[in-house]
C-alpha cells in the first residue's frame, strides 16, 4: 500500500532540507513551480509519476524510499534508469 501523501511530503521536505535546498531553488532544479512543491510537501496535492521521478532524482533517493519509506534513502537514480518507471 502506498503511504499517504502527507508521509511522502514529509520525506520530500526532510530530504530537501538535509541537502540544504530551499523550496525555490529545489523547485527550479527539478523544473516545477515552488507552489506545487509546497503543496506536495504539505500532502495536499499528488505529484504525477514524472514529477515523482524528478523529485527522487533531485533528492538522490530511490522511488521506493520516496513513495513507501522503504529501500535505500541514499540511492541516486540516474535519468536513464528513471525512464523505466514512466
PDB file of N, CA and C in Angstrom:
ATOM      1  N   UNK A   1       0.847  -1.188   0.000  1.00  0.00           N
ATOM      2  CA  UNK A   1       0.000   0.000   0.000  1.00  0.00           C
ATOM      3  C   UNK A   1       0.883   1.239   0.000  1.00  0.00           C
ATOM      4  N   UNK A   2       0.532   2.206  -0.817  1.00  0.00           N
ATOM      5  CA  UNK A   2       1.303   3.444  -0.886  1.00  0.00           C
ATOM      6  C   UNK A   2       1.039   4.268   0.359  1.00  0.00           C
ATOM      7  N   UNK A   3       2.129   4.826   0.903  1.00  0.00           N
ATOM      8  CA  UNK A   3       1.995   5.726   2.044  1.00  0.00           C
ATOM      9  C   UNK A   3       1.106   6.893   1.642  1.00  0.00           C
ATOM     10  N   UNK A   4       0.492   7.500   2.635  1.00  0.00           N
ATOM     11  CA  UNK A   4      -0.347   8.629   2.270  1.00  0.00           C
ATOM     12  C   UNK A   4       0.506   9.824   1.860  1.00  0.00           C
ATOM     13  N   UNK A   5      -0.107  10.778   1.194  1.00  0.00           N
ATOM     14  CA  UNK A   5       0.623  11.906   0.618  1.00  0.00           C
ATOM     15  C   UNK A   5       1.304  12.761   1.677  1.00  0.00           C
ATOM     16  N   UNK A   6       0.767  12.816   2.883  1.00  0.00           N
ATOM     17  CA  UNK A   6       1.415  13.586   3.946  1.00  0.00           C
ATOM     18  C   UNK A   6       2.773  12.971   4.268  1.00  0.00           C
ATOM     19  N   UNK A   7       2.832  11.648   4.349  1.00  0.00           N
ATOM     20  CA  UNK A   7       4.107  10.978   4.634  1.00  0.00           C
ATOM     21  C   UNK A   7       5.112  11.185   3.504  1.00  0.00           C
ATOM     22  N   UNK A   8       4.656  11.102   2.263  1.00  0.00           N
ATOM     23  CA  UNK A   8       5.548  11.350   1.127  1.00  0.00           C
ATOM     24  C   UNK A   8       6.055  12.782   1.189  1.00  0.00           C
ATOM     25  N   UNK A   9       5.160  13.701   1.446  1.00  0.00           N
ATOM     26  CA  UNK A   9       5.534  15.112   1.553  1.00  0.00           C
ATOM     27  C   UNK A   9       6.553  15.360   2.649  1.00  0.00           C
ATOM     28  N   UNK A  10       6.379  14.680   3.782  1.00  0.00           N
ATOM     29  CA  UNK A  10       7.335  14.818   4.889  1.00  0.00           C
ATOM     30  C   UNK A  10       8.714  14.300   4.486  1.00  0.00           C
ATOM     31  N   UNK A  11       8.746  13.199   3.740  1.00  0.00           N
ATOM     32  CA  UNK A  11      10.035  12.665   3.279  1.00  0.00           C
ATOM     33  C   UNK A  11      10.695  13.616   2.278  1.00  0.00           C
ATOM     34  N   UNK A  12       9.897  14.182   1.383  1.00  0.00           N
ATOM     35  CA  UNK A  12      10.433  15.142   0.418  1.00  0.00           C
ATOM     36  C   UNK A  12      11.056  16.325   1.155  1.00  0.00           C
ATOM     37  N   UNK A  13      10.297  16.895   2.065  1.00  0.00           N
ATOM     38  CA  UNK A  13      10.770  18.077   2.794  1.00  0.00           C
ATOM     39  C   UNK A  13      12.014  17.760   3.617  1.00  0.00           C
ATOM     40  N   UNK A  14      11.987  16.662   4.346  1.00  0.00           N
ATOM     41  CA  UNK A  14      13.114  16.293   5.208  1.00  0.00           C
ATOM     42  C   UNK A  14      14.396  16.121   4.388  1.00  0.00           C
ATOM     43  N   UNK A  15      14.287  15.388   3.288  1.00  0.00           N
ATOM     44  CA  UNK A  15      15.478  15.145   2.472  1.00  0.00           C
ATOM     45  C   UNK A  15      15.949  16.430   1.789  1.00  0.00           C
ATOM     46  N   UNK A  16      15.015  17.253   1.306  1.00  0.00           N
ATOM     47  CA  UNK A  16      15.367  18.524   0.682  1.00  0.00           C
ATOM     48  C   UNK A  16      16.139  19.407   1.662  1.00  0.00           C
ATOM     49  N   UNK A  17      15.656  19.471   2.894  1.00  0.00           N
ATOM     50  CA  UNK A  17      16.328  20.280   3.914  1.00  0.00           C
ATOM     51  C   UNK A  17      17.690  19.688   4.284  1.00  0.00           C
ATOM     52  N   UNK A  18      17.782  18.351   4.362  1.00  0.00           N
ATOM     53  CA  UNK A  18      19.071  17.708   4.642  1.00  0.00           C
ATOM     54  C   UNK A  18      20.115  18.075   3.593  1.00  0.00           C
ATOM     55  N   UNK A  19      19.664  18.210   2.347  1.00  0.00           N
ATOM     56  CA  UNK A  19      20.574  18.552   1.252  1.00  0.00           C
ATOM     57  C   UNK A  19      20.842  20.057   1.177  1.00  0.00           C
ATOM     58  N   UNK A  20      20.164  20.828   2.018  1.00  0.00           N
ATOM     59  CA  UNK A  20      20.398  22.262   2.084  1.00  0.00           C
ATOM     60  C   UNK A  20      19.709  23.085   1.007  1.00  0.00           C
ATOM     61  N   UNK A  21      18.662  22.515   0.392  1.00  0.00           N
ATOM     62  CA  UNK A  21      17.936  23.243  -0.655  1.00  0.00           C
ATOM     63  C   UNK A  21      16.765  24.007  -0.055  1.00  0.00           C
ATOM     64  N   UNK A  22      16.587  25.235  -0.481  1.00  0.00           N
ATOM     65  CA  UNK A  22      15.363  25.985  -0.202  1.00  0.00           C
ATOM     66  C   UNK A  22      14.320  25.509  -1.199  1.00  0.00           C
ATOM     67  N   UNK A  23      13.042  25.719  -0.877  1.00  0.00           N
ATOM     68  CA  UNK A  23      11.986  25.277  -1.790  1.00  0.00           C
ATOM     69  C   UNK A  23      12.170  25.871  -3.182  1.00  0.00           C
ATOM     70  N   UNK A  24      12.446  27.150  -3.264  1.00  0.00           N
ATOM     71  CA  UNK A  24      12.557  27.816  -4.561  1.00  0.00           C
ATOM     72  C   UNK A  24      13.678  27.212  -5.407  1.00  0.00           C
ATOM     73  N   UNK A  25      14.855  27.047  -4.809  1.00  0.00           N
ATOM     74  CA  UNK A  25      15.987  26.539  -5.590  1.00  0.00           C
ATOM     75  C   UNK A  25      15.766  25.084  -6.003  1.00  0.00           C
ATOM     76  N   UNK A  26      15.148  24.289  -5.119  1.00  0.00           N
ATOM     77  CA  UNK A  26      14.897  22.894  -5.476  1.00  0.00           C
ATOM     78  C   UNK A  26      13.834  22.798  -6.567  1.00  0.00           C
ATOM     79  N   UNK A  27      12.783  23.601  -6.452  1.00  0.00           N
ATOM     80  CA  UNK A  27      11.736  23.604  -7.481  1.00  0.00           C
ATOM     81  C   UNK A  27      12.325  23.979  -8.843  1.00  0.00           C
ATOM     82  N   UNK A  28      13.189  24.966  -8.859  1.00  0.00           N
ATOM     83  CA  UNK A  28      13.840  25.361 -10.118  1.00  0.00           C
ATOM     84  C   UNK A  28      14.707  24.222 -10.652  1.00  0.00           C
ATOM     85  N   UNK A  29      15.419  23.544  -9.752  1.00  0.00           N
ATOM     86  CA  UNK A  29      16.300  22.438 -10.161  1.00  0.00           C
ATOM     87  C   UNK A  29      15.525  21.334 -10.869  1.00  0.00           C
ATOM     88  N   UNK A  30      14.329  21.031 -10.370  1.00  0.00           N
ATOM     89  CA  UNK A  30      13.553  19.936 -10.962  1.00  0.00           C
ATOM     90  C   UNK A  30      12.464  20.440 -11.918  1.00  0.00           C
ATOM     91  N   UNK A  31      12.487  21.749 -12.177  1.00  0.00           N
ATOM     92  CA  UNK A  31      11.618  22.366 -13.182  1.00  0.00           C
ATOM     93  C   UNK A  31      10.119  22.260 -12.869  1.00  0.00           C
ATOM     94  N   UNK A  32       9.787  22.606 -11.622  1.00  0.00           N
ATOM     95  CA  UNK A  32       8.373  22.724 -11.239  1.00  0.00           C
ATOM     96  C   UNK A  32       8.195  24.045 -10.505  1.00  0.00           C
ATOM     97  N   UNK A  33       6.954  24.447 -10.298  1.00  0.00           N
ATOM     98  CA  UNK A  33       6.669  25.668  -9.552  1.00  0.00           C
ATOM     99  C   UNK A  33       6.897  25.440  -8.070  1.00  0.00           C
ATOM    100  N   UNK A  34       7.376  26.486  -7.390  1.00  0.00           N
ATOM    101  CA  UNK A  34       7.565  26.410  -5.945  1.00  0.00           C
ATOM    102  C   UNK A  34       6.233  26.110  -5.253  1.00  0.00           C
ATOM    103  N   UNK A  35       5.147  26.690  -5.741  1.00  0.00           N
ATOM    104  CA  UNK A  35       3.847  26.460  -5.105  1.00  0.00           C
ATOM    105  C   UNK A  35       3.430  24.992  -5.206  1.00  0.00           C
ATOM    106  N   UNK A  36       3.776  24.344  -6.316  1.00  0.00           N
ATOM    107  CA  UNK A  36       3.474  22.908  -6.446  1.00  0.00           C
ATOM    108  C   UNK A  36       4.289  22.103  -5.452  1.00  0.00           C
ATOM    109  N   UNK A  37       5.584  22.406  -5.358  1.00  0.00           N
ATOM    110  CA  UNK A  37       6.437  21.712  -4.388  1.00  0.00           C
ATOM    111  C   UNK A  37       5.895  21.890  -2.983  1.00  0.00           C
ATOM    112  N   UNK A  38       5.472  23.090  -2.648  1.00  0.00           N
ATOM    113  CA  UNK A  38       4.908  23.360  -1.320  1.00  0.00           C
ATOM    114  C   UNK A  38       3.676  22.484  -1.073  1.00  0.00           C
ATOM    115  N   UNK A  39       2.812  22.360  -2.068  1.00  0.00           N
ATOM    116  CA  UNK A  39       1.603  21.519  -1.905  1.00  0.00           C
ATOM    117  C   UNK A  39       1.968  20.050  -1.771  1.00  0.00           C
ATOM    118  N   UNK A  40       2.991  19.583  -2.517  1.00  0.00           N
ATOM    119  CA  UNK A  40       3.440  18.196  -2.375  1.00  0.00           C
ATOM    120  C   UNK A  40       3.954  17.950  -0.972  1.00  0.00           C
ATOM    121  N   UNK A  41       4.775  18.870  -0.468  1.00  0.00           N
ATOM    122  CA  UNK A  41       5.355  18.704   0.866  1.00  0.00           C
ATOM    123  C   UNK A  41       4.291  18.713   1.950  1.00  0.00           C
ATOM    124  N   UNK A  42       3.228  19.455   1.751  1.00  0.00           N
ATOM    125  CA  UNK A  42       2.130  19.503   2.728  1.00  0.00           C
ATOM    126  C   UNK A  42       1.162  18.338   2.569  1.00  0.00           C
ATOM    127  N   UNK A  43       1.311  17.596   1.474  1.00  0.00           N
ATOM    128  CA  UNK A  43       0.438  16.444   1.248  1.00  0.00           C
ATOM    129  C   UNK A  43      -0.943  16.796   0.753  1.00  0.00           C
ATOM    130  N   UNK A  44      -1.107  17.996   0.188  1.00  0.00           N
ATOM    131  CA  UNK A  44      -2.425  18.402  -0.291  1.00  0.00           C
ATOM    132  C   UNK A  44      -2.582  18.217  -1.800  1.00  0.00           C
ATOM    133  N   UNK A  45      -1.503  17.877  -2.483  1.00  0.00           N
ATOM    134  CA  UNK A  45      -1.559  17.610  -3.914  1.00  0.00           C
ATOM    135  C   UNK A  45      -0.679  16.415  -4.221  1.00  0.00           C
ATOM    136  N   UNK A  46      -1.125  15.589  -5.153  1.00  0.00           N
ATOM    137  CA  UNK A  46      -0.381  14.406  -5.561  1.00  0.00           C
ATOM    138  C   UNK A  46       0.442  14.714  -6.807  1.00  0.00           C
ATOM    139  N   UNK A  47       1.763  14.513  -6.745  1.00  0.00           N
ATOM    140  CA  UNK A  47       2.571  14.743  -7.940  1.00  0.00           C
ATOM    141  C   UNK A  47       2.357  13.633  -8.970  1.00  0.00           C
ATOM    142  N   UNK A  48       2.557  13.979 -10.234  1.00  0.00           N
ATOM    143  CA  UNK A  48       2.481  12.973 -11.297  1.00  0.00           C
ATOM    144  C   UNK A  48       3.663  12.020 -11.153  1.00  0.00           C
ATOM    145  N   UNK A  49       3.609  10.917 -11.873  1.00  0.00           N
ATOM    146  CA  UNK A  49       4.717   9.958 -11.860  1.00  0.00           C
ATOM    147  C   UNK A  49       5.995  10.646 -12.330  1.00  0.00           C
ATOM    148  N   UNK A  50       5.890  11.430 -13.393  1.00  0.00           N
ATOM    149  CA  UNK A  50       7.057  12.127 -13.917  1.00  0.00           C
ATOM    150  C   UNK A  50       7.657  13.063 -12.881  1.00  0.00           C
ATOM    151  N   UNK A  51       6.796  13.745 -12.141  1.00  0.00           N
ATOM    152  CA  UNK A  51       7.273  14.667 -11.108  1.00  0.00           C
ATOM    153  C   UNK A  51       7.901  13.900  -9.950  1.00  0.00           C
ATOM    154  N   UNK A  52       7.307  12.767  -9.571  1.00  0.00           N
ATOM    155  CA  UNK A  52       7.911  11.942  -8.522  1.00  0.00           C
ATOM    156  C   UNK A  52       9.305  11.479  -8.918  1.00  0.00           C
ATOM    157  N   UNK A  53       9.469  11.109 -10.185  1.00  0.00           N
ATOM    158  CA  UNK A  53      10.779  10.690 -10.679  1.00  0.00           C
ATOM    159  C   UNK A  53      11.759  11.861 -10.591  1.00  0.00           C
ATOM    160  N   UNK A  54      11.320  13.048 -11.007  1.00  0.00           N
ATOM    161  CA  UNK A  54      12.187  14.232 -10.946  1.00  0.00           C
ATOM    162  C   UNK A  54      12.570  14.555  -9.503  1.00  0.00           C
ATOM    163  N   UNK A  55      11.622  14.449  -8.589  1.00  0.00           N
ATOM    164  CA  UNK A  55      11.901  14.716  -7.173  1.00  0.00           C
ATOM    165  C   UNK A  55      12.895  13.693  -6.632  1.00  0.00           C
ATOM    166  N   UNK A  56      12.653  12.416  -6.914  1.00  0.00           N
ATOM    167  CA  UNK A  56      13.565  11.366  -6.445  1.00  0.00           C
ATOM    168  C   UNK A  56      14.973  11.593  -6.990  1.00  0.00           C
ATOM    169  N   UNK A  57      15.072  11.911  -8.277  1.00  0.00           N
ATOM    170  CA  UNK A  57      16.384  12.190  -8.866  1.00  0.00           C
ATOM    171  C   UNK A  57      17.035  13.391  -8.205  1.00  0.00           C
ATOM    172  N   UNK A  58      16.264  14.453  -8.013  1.00  0.00           N
ATOM    173  CA  UNK A  58      16.800  15.670  -7.409  1.00  0.00           C
ATOM    174  C   UNK A  58      17.256  15.474  -5.975  1.00  0.00           C
ATOM    175  N   UNK A  59      16.561  14.591  -5.257  1.00  0.00           N
ATOM    176  CA  UNK A  59      16.915  14.314  -3.857  1.00  0.00           C
ATOM    177  C   UNK A  59      17.906  13.169  -3.729  1.00  0.00           C
ATOM    178  N   UNK A  60      18.201  12.512  -4.854  1.00  0.00           N
ATOM    179  CA  UNK A  60      19.123  11.386  -4.880  1.00  0.00           C
ATOM    180  C   UNK A  60      18.670  10.243  -3.975  1.00  0.00           C
ATOM    181  N   UNK A  61      17.372   9.942  -4.095  1.00  0.00           N
ATOM    182  CA  UNK A  61      16.786   8.826  -3.346  1.00  0.00           C
ATOM    183  C   UNK A  61      16.074   7.902  -4.321  1.00  0.00           C
ATOM    184  N   UNK A  62      15.816   6.684  -3.890  1.00  0.00           N
ATOM    185  CA  UNK A  62      15.051   5.753  -4.711  1.00  0.00           C
ATOM    186  C   UNK A  62      13.567   6.112  -4.654  1.00  0.00           C
ATOM    187  N   UNK A  63      12.832   5.693  -5.659  1.00  0.00           N
ATOM    188  CA  UNK A  63      11.380   5.881  -5.631  1.00  0.00           C
ATOM    189  C   UNK A  63      10.753   5.087  -4.494  1.00  0.00           C
ATOM    190  N   UNK A  64      11.303   3.909  -4.187  1.00  0.00           N
ATOM    191  CA  UNK A  64      10.795   3.128  -3.053  1.00  0.00           C
ATOM    192  C   UNK A  64      10.856   3.940  -1.767  1.00  0.00           C
ATOM    193  N   UNK A  65      11.978   4.605  -1.559  1.00  0.00           N
ATOM    194  CA  UNK A  65      12.101   5.420  -0.347  1.00  0.00           C
ATOM    195  C   UNK A  65      11.087   6.561  -0.370  1.00  0.00           C
ATOM    196  N   UNK A  66      11.014   7.245  -1.484  1.00  0.00           N
ATOM    197  CA  UNK A  66      10.143   8.411  -1.575  1.00  0.00           C
ATOM    198  C   UNK A  66       8.674   8.039  -1.399  1.00  0.00           C
ATOM    199  N   UNK A  67       8.245   6.972  -2.057  1.00  0.00           N
ATOM    200  CA  UNK A  67       6.829   6.604  -2.035  1.00  0.00           C
ATOM    201  C   UNK A  67       6.450   5.780  -0.811  1.00  0.00           C
ATOM    202  N   UNK A  68       7.268   4.781  -0.490  1.00  0.00           N
ATOM    203  CA  UNK A  68       6.896   3.850   0.576  1.00  0.00           C
ATOM    204  C   UNK A  68       7.657   4.051   1.882  1.00  0.00           C
ATOM    205  N   UNK A  69       8.745   4.808   1.847  1.00  0.00           N
ATOM    206  CA  UNK A  69       9.564   4.973   3.044  1.00  0.00           C
ATOM    207  C   UNK A  69      10.474   3.788   3.284  1.00  0.00           C
ATOM    208  N   UNK A  70      10.624   2.930   2.254  1.00  0.00           N
ATOM    209  CA  UNK A  70      11.500   1.766   2.340  1.00  0.00           C
ATOM    210  C   UNK A  70      12.584   1.893   1.287  1.00  0.00           C
ATOM    211  N   UNK A  71      13.443   0.930   1.239  1.00  0.00           N
ATOM    212  CA  UNK A  71      14.507   0.992   0.244  1.00  0.00           C
ATOM    213  C   UNK A  71      15.633   1.887   0.713  1.00  0.00           C
ATOM    214  N   UNK A  72      16.510   2.198  -0.194  1.00  0.00           N
ATOM    215  CA  UNK A  72      17.706   2.954   0.140  1.00  0.00           C
ATOM    216  C   UNK A  72      17.459   4.442   0.005  1.00  0.00           C
ATOM    217  N   UNK A  73      17.526   5.127   1.130  1.00  0.00           N
ATOM    218  CA  UNK A  73      17.339   6.577   1.141  1.00  0.00           C
ATOM    219  C   UNK A  73      18.435   7.276   0.353  1.00  0.00           C
ATOM    220  N   UNK A  74      19.575   6.659   0.216  1.00  0.00           N
ATOM    221  CA  UNK A  74      20.706   7.309  -0.430  1.00  0.00           C
ATOM    222  C   UNK A  74      20.998   6.785  -1.823  1.00  0.00           C
ATOM    223  N   UNK A  75      20.067   6.083  -2.429  1.00  0.00           N
ATOM    224  CA  UNK A  75      20.275   5.549  -3.772  1.00  0.00           C
ATOM    225  C   UNK A  75      19.904   6.602  -4.794  1.00  0.00           C
ATOM    226  N   UNK A  76      20.879   7.083  -5.518  1.00  0.00           N
ATOM    227  CA  UNK A  76      20.619   8.048  -6.581  1.00  0.00           C
ATOM    228  C   UNK A  76      20.123   7.302  -7.809  1.00  0.00           C
ATOM    229  N   UNK A  77      19.113   7.818  -8.442  1.00  0.00           N
ATOM    230  CA  UNK A  77      18.585   7.231  -9.669  1.00  0.00           C
ATOM    231  C   UNK A  77      19.133   8.040 -10.829  1.00  0.00           C
ATOM    232  N   UNK A  78      19.708   7.377 -11.797  1.00  0.00           N
ATOM    233  CA  UNK A  78      20.176   8.062 -12.989  1.00  0.00           C
ATOM    234  C   UNK A  78      18.971   8.345 -13.882  1.00  0.00           C
ATOM    235  N   UNK A  79      19.066   9.422 -14.642  1.00  0.00           N
ATOM    236  CA  UNK A  79      17.959   9.799 -15.501  1.00  0.00           C
ATOM    237  C   UNK A  79      17.548   8.669 -16.430  1.00  0.00           C
ATOM    238  N   UNK A  80      18.505   7.955 -16.994  1.00  0.00           N
ATOM    239  CA  UNK A  80      18.182   6.851 -17.894  1.00  0.00           C
ATOM    240  C   UNK A  80      17.419   5.747 -17.174  1.00  0.00           C
ATOM    241  N   UNK A  81      17.804   5.453 -15.933  1.00  0.00           N
ATOM    242  CA  UNK A  81      17.103   4.431 -15.150  1.00  0.00           C
ATOM    243  C   UNK A  81      15.682   4.861 -14.827  1.00  0.00           C
ATOM    244  N   UNK A  82      15.495   6.155 -14.569  1.00  0.00           N
ATOM    245  CA  UNK A  82      14.184   6.656 -14.190  1.00  0.00           C
ATOM    246  C   UNK A  82      13.173   6.475 -15.313  1.00  0.00           C
ATOM    247  N   UNK A  83      13.623   6.493 -16.552  1.00  0.00           N
ATOM    248  CA  UNK A  83      12.705   6.341 -17.674  1.00  0.00           C
ATOM    249  C   UNK A  83      12.021   4.982 -17.660  1.00  0.00           C
ATOM    250  N   UNK A  84      12.600   4.006 -16.977  1.00  0.00           N
ATOM    251  CA  UNK A  84      11.970   2.702 -16.856  1.00  0.00           C
ATOM    252  C   UNK A  84      10.650   2.773 -16.090  1.00  0.00           C
ATOM    253  N   UNK A  85      10.472   3.801 -15.269  1.00  0.00           N
ATOM    254  CA  UNK A  85       9.274   3.933 -14.449  1.00  0.00           C
ATOM    255  C   UNK A  85       8.156   4.671 -15.167  1.00  0.00           C
ATOM    256  N   UNK A  86       8.467   5.283 -16.289  1.00  0.00           N
ATOM    257  CA  UNK A  86       7.479   6.118 -16.959  1.00  0.00           C
ATOM    258  C   UNK A  86       6.731   5.310 -18.011  1.00  0.00           C
TER     259      UNK A  86
END
